[in-house]
Amino acid sequence: MYVNVAVLTETRAHERRVALVPSVVQKLVKLGARLHMQPGAGAAIHLDDAAFENVAFIADRTALVKDADVVLAVQPPALEVVNAMKEGAILVSFIYAHNEPALVKRLLDKKITCFAMERVPRITRAQSMDALSSQSALAGYYAVQLGSTHLARVVPKITSAAGSIGPAHVLVMGLGVAGLEAIATAHRLGAVVEGYDVRPETREQALSLGATFVDTGIDARGKGGYARELSAEEKTRVADVLTKHIESADLIITTAAIPGKASPKLISHAQVAGMKAGSVIVDLSAEGGGNCEDTRPGETTRIGNVTIVAPLNVPSLLGEDASELYAKNQYNLLALIMKNNVIEIDWSDEVLAKTVLTHAGENKAEASDAAAKPVAAAKKPPAKAEPVTPA
């Protein structure tokens, strides 16, 4: 017995990652996987096909997936890929269902069991599978590097015979995984760093990484570790406190996002206009429209004397390391369902119950409450393990 596992070549714009890397191949084989992938799947990160031992290559993606028990990808696959999958197969990838209604419908029609990587719960046991965190950490690091290349000044303090220059002042807004990594990176480079978040419990994390914390007096803790949306009055109070910090910063990195909703606006037109000449904003939330009112997703723009950098799919810009971490995240998830060369899904496992998006023609996500929907879904499947006999 074995489990047919197919790995897709990514075709979406700005995507360089691949869902399988050579270091993970043998681990999957030990789980009982027979691996297949498209030629050139790793070409964007300079991974030749020859680097993948014990992997069969199939050029046509329809042929690749038609007999697959498990299909692995980074981005949501095309509809024709799902059409070609056999009924009841398993898909593991990022999905972001609120952006992909047609794809979700097709998954339901084909009775595909889909584990959406963005739904992995942020609990201790699931940390090794948390692709959002692994990819966000890389984005936070890269944001500082990207911002520094647009600054017309140095980040650390440098002393020469002619005098001293620096250090730059860096403000990080939004202290999730990406924001905290941005703080750590900027601090290592010698910047004076400030951190801001509407969740006051992030203060200690910011301080531990060498930043000072900007306290606005607003507590906006939400569900699932994310911030809730601020009221109009709260936004005004926050803006009053933040403006002076925004105006004194050389580099601002914004990372605030609310799953399934537009990115909250943290920096207004007026605040941008008040920033000092030569300052830079790196908006890591461009995918959701951006945290700055002047952000143009996917573009680098100049607003007066301020540069706003709004890259898309930042982890993909570090495609080699991003692929390595993502492939390991997926492997650790697959290790929960691949046992003794067959697939066994134990729906009493909190990680699986909360990560699943679709199963047996049923949408396991409740649109009303993003945090509650995996909990509700966990009650519906049978508690005992469900064996699936692969080809």
Protein backbone atom coordinates (compact mmCIF):
# COMPACT_ATOMS: atom_id res chain seq x y z
CA MET A 1 0.00 0.00 0.00
CA TYR A 2 1.05 3.57 -0.59
CA VAL A 3 -0.42 7.05 -0.81
CA ASN A 4 -0.22 8.87 -4.15
CA VAL A 5 0.93 12.43 -3.46
CA ALA A 6 1.00 15.02 -6.26
CA VAL A 7 2.82 18.36 -6.03
CA LEU A 8 1.67 21.19 -8.30
CA THR A 9 3.79 23.81 -10.04
CA GLU A 10 2.61 27.25 -8.91
CA THR A 11 1.15 29.36 -11.71
CA ARG A 12 -0.16 32.47 -9.95
CA ALA A 13 1.58 35.80 -10.40
CA HIS A 14 4.30 36.72 -7.90
CA GLU A 15 4.59 33.11 -6.68
CA ARG A 16 8.04 31.52 -6.55
CA ARG A 17 7.50 28.95 -3.81
CA VAL A 18 7.03 25.21 -4.20
CA ALA A 19 5.23 22.83 -1.83
CA LEU A 20 7.97 20.19 -1.82
CA VAL A 21 11.72 20.53 -1.25
CA PRO A 22 14.37 17.79 -1.42
CA SER A 23 14.93 17.71 2.35
CA VAL A 24 11.31 16.66 2.91
CA VAL A 25 11.08 13.97 0.21
CA GLN A 26 12.44 11.06 2.28
CA LYS A 27 10.31 12.04 5.27
CA LEU A 28 7.18 11.77 3.14
CA VAL A 29 8.34 8.49 1.65
CA LYS A 30 8.68 7.09 5.17
CA LEU A 31 5.05 8.04 5.78
CA GLY A 32 4.07 5.91 2.80
CA ALA A 33 3.98 8.53 0.06
CA ARG A 34 4.63 7.83 -3.59
CA LEU A 35 5.58 11.28 -4.87
CA HIS A 36 4.80 12.90 -8.21
CA MET A 37 5.34 16.47 -9.33
CA GLN A 38 5.48 18.62 -12.43
CA PRO A 39 8.86 19.23 -14.07
CA GLY A 40 10.34 22.60 -13.19
CA ALA A 41 8.20 23.03 -10.07
CA GLY A 42 11.22 24.37 -8.18
CA ALA A 43 12.78 26.32 -11.04
CA ALA A 44 11.84 29.73 -9.61
CA ILE A 45 14.06 29.06 -6.59
CA HIS A 46 16.79 27.33 -8.65
CA LEU A 47 15.83 23.78 -7.60
CA ASP A 48 16.55 21.43 -10.49
CA ASP A 49 14.40 18.33 -11.00
CA ALA A 50 17.53 16.23 -10.41
CA ALA A 51 17.58 17.38 -6.79
CA PHE A 52 14.34 15.48 -6.13
CA GLU A 53 15.22 11.83 -5.63
CA ASN A 54 12.41 9.25 -5.47
CA VAL A 55 10.02 11.63 -7.20
CA ALA A 56 8.31 10.84 -10.52
CA PHE A 57 7.70 13.74 -12.90
CA ILE A 58 4.50 14.18 -14.87
CA ALA A 59 4.24 17.25 -17.10
CA ASP A 60 0.47 17.36 -17.57
CA ARG A 61 -1.18 18.55 -14.38
CA THR A 62 -4.47 16.82 -15.19
CA ALA A 63 -2.68 13.50 -15.44
CA LEU A 64 -0.68 14.40 -12.34
CA VAL A 65 -3.69 14.80 -10.07
CA LYS A 66 -6.25 12.38 -11.51
CA ASP A 67 -5.06 9.41 -9.43
CA ALA A 68 -3.65 11.41 -6.51
CA ASP A 69 -4.86 10.70 -3.00
CA VAL A 70 -3.27 13.95 -1.78
CA VAL A 71 -2.50 17.09 -3.78
CA LEU A 72 -0.05 19.64 -2.33
CA ALA A 73 0.21 23.27 -3.41
CA VAL A 74 1.06 26.70 -2.08
CA GLN A 75 -1.60 28.88 -3.70
CA PRO A 76 -5.22 27.85 -4.33
CA PRO A 77 -5.21 25.58 -7.39
CA ALA A 78 -7.02 26.37 -10.62
CA LEU A 79 -10.58 25.08 -11.04
CA GLU A 80 -9.50 22.69 -13.78
CA VAL A 81 -7.08 21.06 -11.36
CA VAL A 82 -9.86 20.38 -8.85
CA ASN A 83 -12.05 19.14 -11.70
CA ALA A 84 -9.38 16.58 -12.57
CA MET A 85 -8.97 15.32 -8.99
CA LYS A 86 -10.76 12.14 -8.03
CA GLU A 87 -13.74 12.39 -5.75
CA GLY A 88 -12.82 12.25 -2.07
CA ALA A 89 -9.16 13.14 -2.58
CA ILE A 90 -7.32 15.49 -0.22
CA LEU A 91 -6.04 18.98 -1.06
CA VAL A 92 -3.56 20.80 1.19
CA SER A 93 -2.77 24.42 0.33
CA PHE A 94 -3.55 27.99 1.21
CA ILE A 95 -7.14 28.70 0.15
CA TYR A 96 -8.52 31.88 1.78
CA ALA A 97 -12.09 30.79 1.13
CA HIS A 98 -13.56 34.31 1.30
CA ASN A 99 -11.58 35.13 -1.86
CA GLU A 100 -12.33 31.84 -3.66
CA PRO A 101 -16.08 31.13 -3.67
CA ALA A 102 -16.00 29.31 -7.03
CA LEU A 103 -13.12 27.12 -5.89
CA VAL A 104 -14.84 26.24 -2.61
CA LYS A 105 -18.00 25.28 -4.51
CA ARG A 106 -15.97 22.98 -6.75
CA LEU A 107 -14.30 21.39 -3.72
CA LEU A 108 -17.75 20.70 -2.30
CA ASP A 109 -19.06 19.31 -5.59
CA LYS A 110 -16.09 16.92 -5.85
CA LYS A 111 -16.31 15.99 -2.15
CA ILE A 112 -12.67 17.00 -1.75
CA THR A 113 -11.29 17.06 1.78
CA CYS A 114 -9.44 20.35 1.86
CA PHE A 115 -7.04 21.32 4.63
CA ALA A 116 -6.48 25.07 4.26
CA MET A 117 -3.07 26.02 5.62
CA GLU A 118 -4.26 29.45 6.78
CA ARG A 119 -6.70 27.70 9.13
CA VAL A 120 -4.08 25.83 11.16
CA PRO A 121 -4.93 26.78 14.76
CA ARG A 122 -2.42 28.87 16.63
CA ILE A 123 -1.97 26.47 19.52
CA THR A 124 1.25 25.06 20.90
CA ARG A 125 0.85 21.60 19.39
CA ALA A 126 0.29 23.03 15.91
CA GLN A 127 3.27 25.38 15.83
CA SER A 128 5.25 23.10 13.53
CA MET A 129 2.36 23.23 11.02
CA ASP A 130 1.63 26.96 11.29
CA ALA A 131 2.43 28.15 7.79
CA LEU A 132 1.03 31.62 8.41
CA SER A 133 3.60 32.15 11.15
CA SER A 134 6.54 30.66 9.26
CA GLN A 135 5.84 32.79 6.20
CA SER A 136 5.05 35.92 8.20
CA ALA A 137 8.37 35.72 10.02
CA LEU A 138 10.19 35.85 6.70
CA ALA A 139 8.03 38.78 5.57
CA GLY A 140 8.86 40.73 8.72
CA TYR A 141 12.57 40.20 8.21
CA TYR A 142 12.40 41.16 4.54
CA ALA A 143 10.39 44.31 5.21
CA VAL A 144 13.29 45.85 7.11
CA GLN A 145 15.75 44.97 4.35
CA LEU A 146 13.40 46.32 1.71
CA GLY A 147 12.78 49.52 3.62
CA SER A 148 16.48 50.13 4.20
CA THR A 149 17.17 50.00 0.45
CA HIS A 150 14.74 52.89 -0.07
CA LEU A 151 16.14 55.02 2.74
CA ALA A 152 18.69 57.66 1.81
CA ARG A 153 20.40 57.12 5.16
CA VAL A 154 21.96 54.32 7.19
CA VAL A 155 20.08 52.26 9.75
CA PRO A 156 22.71 51.90 12.53
CA LYS A 157 24.77 54.63 14.15
CA ILE A 158 28.09 55.01 12.34
CA THR A 159 30.96 57.11 13.64
CA SER A 160 33.73 58.41 11.41
CA ALA A 161 36.39 61.12 11.60
CA ALA A 162 33.88 63.47 10.00
CA GLY A 163 31.35 62.83 12.73
CA SER A 164 28.50 60.45 13.58
CA ILE A 165 25.39 59.60 11.57
CA GLY A 166 22.36 57.54 12.49
CA PRO A 167 20.75 55.61 13.92
CA ALA A 168 17.46 55.50 12.01
CA HIS A 169 14.17 55.50 13.88
CA VAL A 170 11.92 52.58 12.95
CA LEU A 171 8.25 52.28 13.89
CA VAL A 172 6.59 48.87 13.52
CA MET A 173 2.78 48.96 13.53
CA GLY A 174 1.10 45.62 14.18
CA LEU A 175 2.95 43.17 16.43
CA GLY A 176 1.99 39.78 15.14
CA VAL A 177 4.66 37.37 13.92
CA ALA A 178 5.73 39.64 11.06
CA GLY A 179 5.85 42.74 13.21
CA LEU A 180 7.87 41.12 15.97
CA GLU A 181 10.36 39.76 13.44
CA ALA A 182 10.62 43.24 11.92
CA ILE A 183 11.40 44.66 15.38
CA ALA A 184 14.05 42.01 16.00
CA THR A 185 15.67 42.60 12.61
CA ALA A 186 15.67 46.39 12.89
CA HIS A 187 17.10 46.16 16.41
CA ARG A 188 19.89 43.84 15.23
CA LEU A 189 20.74 46.35 12.52
CA GLY A 190 21.14 49.07 15.16
CA ALA A 191 17.98 51.10 14.67
CA VAL A 192 16.04 52.83 17.44
CA VAL A 193 12.80 50.84 17.33
CA GLU A 194 9.25 51.52 18.48
CA GLY A 195 6.40 49.02 18.33
CA TYR A 196 2.68 49.63 18.29
CA ASP A 197 -0.33 47.32 18.47
CA VAL A 198 -3.92 47.73 19.60
CA ARG A 199 -3.46 44.61 21.74
CA PRO A 200 -1.69 45.74 24.93
CA GLU A 201 -0.43 42.25 25.74
CA THR A 202 2.11 42.66 22.91
CA ARG A 203 3.96 45.25 25.00
CA GLU A 204 6.15 42.68 26.75
CA GLN A 205 7.03 41.01 23.46
CA ALA A 206 8.09 44.32 21.95
CA LEU A 207 10.17 45.23 24.99
CA SER A 208 11.87 41.83 25.00
CA LEU A 209 13.05 42.42 21.43
CA GLY A 210 14.58 45.80 22.16
CA ALA A 211 11.75 48.15 21.17
CA THR A 212 9.78 50.68 23.16
CA PHE A 213 6.01 50.28 23.10
CA VAL A 214 3.65 53.01 21.92
CA ASP A 215 0.68 52.90 24.29
CA THR A 216 -2.52 54.53 23.03
CA GLY A 217 -4.73 53.39 25.91
CA ILE A 218 -6.94 51.32 23.60
CA ASP A 219 -7.45 47.58 24.13
CA ALA A 220 -8.68 45.95 20.92
CA ARG A 221 -8.02 42.29 21.60
CA GLY A 222 -10.13 40.10 19.34
CA LYS A 223 -10.69 36.39 18.89
CA GLY A 224 -8.13 33.86 17.73
CA GLY A 225 -5.15 36.06 18.57
CA TYR A 226 -6.14 38.77 16.08
CA ALA A 227 -7.15 42.36 16.78
CA ARG A 228 -10.76 43.43 16.49
CA GLU A 229 -11.78 46.36 14.33
CA LEU A 230 -11.68 49.74 16.09
CA SER A 231 -14.68 52.02 16.47
CA ALA A 232 -14.58 55.49 14.90
CA GLU A 233 -13.98 57.08 18.31
CA GLU A 234 -11.16 54.66 19.08
CA LYS A 235 -9.53 55.33 15.71
CA THR A 236 -9.49 59.04 16.48
CA ARG A 237 -7.92 58.51 19.91
CA VAL A 238 -5.28 56.20 18.46
CA ALA A 239 -4.46 58.62 15.64
CA ASP A 240 -3.93 61.47 18.09
CA VAL A 241 -1.28 59.47 19.95
CA LEU A 242 0.36 57.90 16.92
CA THR A 243 0.80 61.01 14.80
CA LYS A 244 3.90 62.28 16.62
CA HIS A 245 5.54 58.85 16.40
CA ILE A 246 4.73 58.58 12.69
CA GLU A 247 6.16 62.03 12.03
CA SER A 248 9.44 61.23 13.80
CA ALA A 249 10.05 57.86 12.10
CA ASP A 250 12.51 57.31 9.27
CA LEU A 251 11.07 53.89 8.41
CA ILE A 252 7.58 52.59 9.21
CA ILE A 253 6.60 48.95 8.73
CA THR A 254 2.90 48.11 8.90
CA THR A 255 1.64 44.56 9.27
CA ALA A 256 -1.95 44.78 10.59
CA ALA A 257 -4.45 42.41 8.99
CA ILE A 258 -7.89 41.03 9.86
CA PRO A 259 -8.60 37.66 8.18
CA GLY A 260 -11.37 37.89 5.62
CA LYS A 261 -11.58 41.68 5.81
CA ALA A 262 -9.83 44.68 4.30
CA SER A 263 -6.64 45.73 6.03
CA PRO A 264 -7.30 48.37 8.71
CA LYS A 265 -6.06 51.86 7.88
CA LEU A 266 -3.39 52.86 10.37
CA ILE A 267 -1.83 55.81 8.55
CA SER A 268 -3.97 58.58 7.04
CA HIS A 269 -3.28 60.93 4.13
CA ALA A 270 -2.73 63.72 6.65
CA GLN A 271 -0.21 61.69 8.64
CA VAL A 272 1.74 60.84 5.49
CA ALA A 273 1.80 64.52 4.59
CA GLY A 274 3.28 65.28 8.01
CA MET A 275 6.13 62.77 7.75
CA LYS A 276 9.66 64.02 7.33
CA ALA A 277 11.32 64.15 3.93
CA GLY A 278 12.98 60.92 2.85
CA SER A 279 11.00 58.67 5.17
CA VAL A 280 9.75 55.28 3.98
CA ILE A 281 6.67 53.16 4.67
CA VAL A 282 6.73 49.42 3.92
CA ASP A 283 3.15 48.18 3.90
CA LEU A 284 3.08 44.42 4.44
CA SER A 285 -0.72 44.39 4.34
CA ALA A 286 -0.98 45.41 0.70
CA GLU A 287 -2.76 42.13 -0.13
CA GLY A 288 -5.75 43.40 1.85
CA GLY A 289 -5.61 46.92 0.46
CA GLY A 290 -2.89 48.22 2.75
CA ASN A 291 -2.62 49.88 6.17
CA CYS A 292 -1.92 53.29 4.68
CA GLU A 293 -4.55 55.37 2.88
CA ASP A 294 -1.98 56.21 0.19
CA THR A 295 -0.90 52.61 -0.43
CA ARG A 296 -1.14 51.24 -3.95
CA PRO A 297 -0.91 47.45 -3.66
CA GLY A 298 1.94 45.99 -5.66
CA GLU A 299 3.54 49.37 -6.34
CA THR A 300 6.23 51.63 -4.95
CA THR A 301 4.95 55.19 -4.94
CA ARG A 302 6.17 58.62 -3.93
CA ILE A 303 3.73 60.79 -1.99
CA GLY A 304 5.40 64.16 -1.60
CA ASN A 305 8.76 63.31 -0.06
CA VAL A 306 7.60 59.96 1.38
CA THR A 307 8.15 56.60 -0.33
CA ILE A 308 5.49 53.93 0.16
CA VAL A 309 6.50 50.36 -0.72
CA ALA A 310 3.59 47.92 -0.98
CA PRO A 311 4.89 44.52 -2.12
CA LEU A 312 2.63 41.54 -2.79
CA ASN A 313 3.35 38.00 -1.59
CA VAL A 314 6.46 39.00 0.33
CA PRO A 315 7.39 35.47 1.53
CA SER A 316 7.75 34.45 -2.11
CA LEU A 317 10.54 37.03 -2.49
CA LEU A 318 12.51 34.75 -0.16
CA GLY A 319 11.29 31.71 -2.07
CA GLU A 320 14.07 29.31 -1.10
CA ASP A 321 13.64 29.61 2.66
CA ALA A 322 9.89 30.13 2.36
CA SER A 323 9.53 26.87 0.43
CA GLU A 324 11.69 25.01 2.95
CA LEU A 325 9.56 26.14 5.88
CA TYR A 326 6.25 25.67 4.07
CA ALA A 327 7.12 22.15 2.93
CA LYS A 328 7.98 21.24 6.52
CA ASN A 329 4.71 22.77 7.74
CA GLN A 330 2.79 20.58 5.29
CA TYR A 331 4.82 17.49 6.17
CA ASN A 332 4.02 17.91 9.86
CA LEU A 333 0.33 18.18 9.03
CA LEU A 334 0.43 15.12 6.75
CA ALA A 335 2.12 13.17 9.54
CA LEU A 336 -1.17 13.42 11.42
CA ILE A 337 -3.16 11.70 8.68
CA MET A 338 -0.71 9.34 6.97
CA LYS A 339 -0.13 6.22 9.06
CA ASN A 340 0.99 2.75 8.03
CA ASN A 341 0.95 3.71 4.33
CA VAL A 342 -2.72 4.70 4.40
CA ILE A 343 -4.70 7.83 5.20
CA GLU A 344 -6.52 7.91 8.51
CA ILE A 345 -8.23 11.14 9.55
CA ASP A 346 -9.01 11.36 13.25
CA TRP A 347 -11.61 14.12 13.51
CA SER A 348 -11.23 14.24 17.26
CA ASP A 349 -7.79 15.76 16.66
CA GLU A 350 -8.18 19.49 17.29
CA VAL A 351 -5.63 20.45 14.66
CA LEU A 352 -7.34 18.51 11.88
CA ALA A 353 -10.82 19.56 12.94
CA LYS A 354 -9.86 23.23 12.91
CA THR A 355 -7.79 23.15 9.72
CA VAL A 356 -10.32 21.36 7.51
CA LEU A 357 -12.30 23.62 5.17
CA THR A 358 -14.37 21.10 3.19
CA HIS A 359 -15.07 17.40 3.71
CA ALA A 360 -17.53 14.96 2.13
CA GLY A 361 -19.40 17.74 0.34
CA GLU A 362 -19.83 19.84 3.47
CA ASN A 363 -18.35 23.28 4.13
CA LYS A 364 -16.91 23.08 7.63
CA ALA A 365 -16.44 26.82 7.95
CA GLU A 366 -19.17 28.99 9.44
CA ALA A 367 -19.08 32.36 7.71
CA SER A 368 -20.43 34.20 10.74
CA ASP A 369 -17.41 33.75 12.99
CA ALA A 370 -13.96 32.97 11.66
CA ALA A 371 -12.68 31.93 15.05
CA ALA A 372 -15.66 29.73 15.94
CA LYS A 373 -16.13 27.98 12.63
CA PRO A 374 -13.45 25.30 13.07
CA VAL A 375 -14.75 24.59 16.60
CA ALA A 376 -18.27 24.06 15.29
CA ALA A 377 -16.98 21.92 12.47
CA ALA A 378 -15.13 19.66 14.88
CA LYS A 379 -18.39 18.45 16.39
CA LYS A 380 -19.84 17.14 13.16
CA PRO A 381 -17.38 14.50 11.83
CA PRO A 382 -17.27 11.14 13.63
CA ALA A 383 -14.92 10.95 16.58
CA LYS A 384 -13.31 7.70 15.46
CA ALA A 385 -10.58 7.52 12.84
CA GLU A 386 -11.84 7.40 9.28
CA PRO A 387 -9.69 5.18 7.04
CA VAL A 388 -9.33 6.10 3.38
CA THR A 389 -7.89 3.42 1.12
CA PRO A 390 -5.50 4.99 -1.40
CA ALA A 391 -4.69 3.66 -4.82
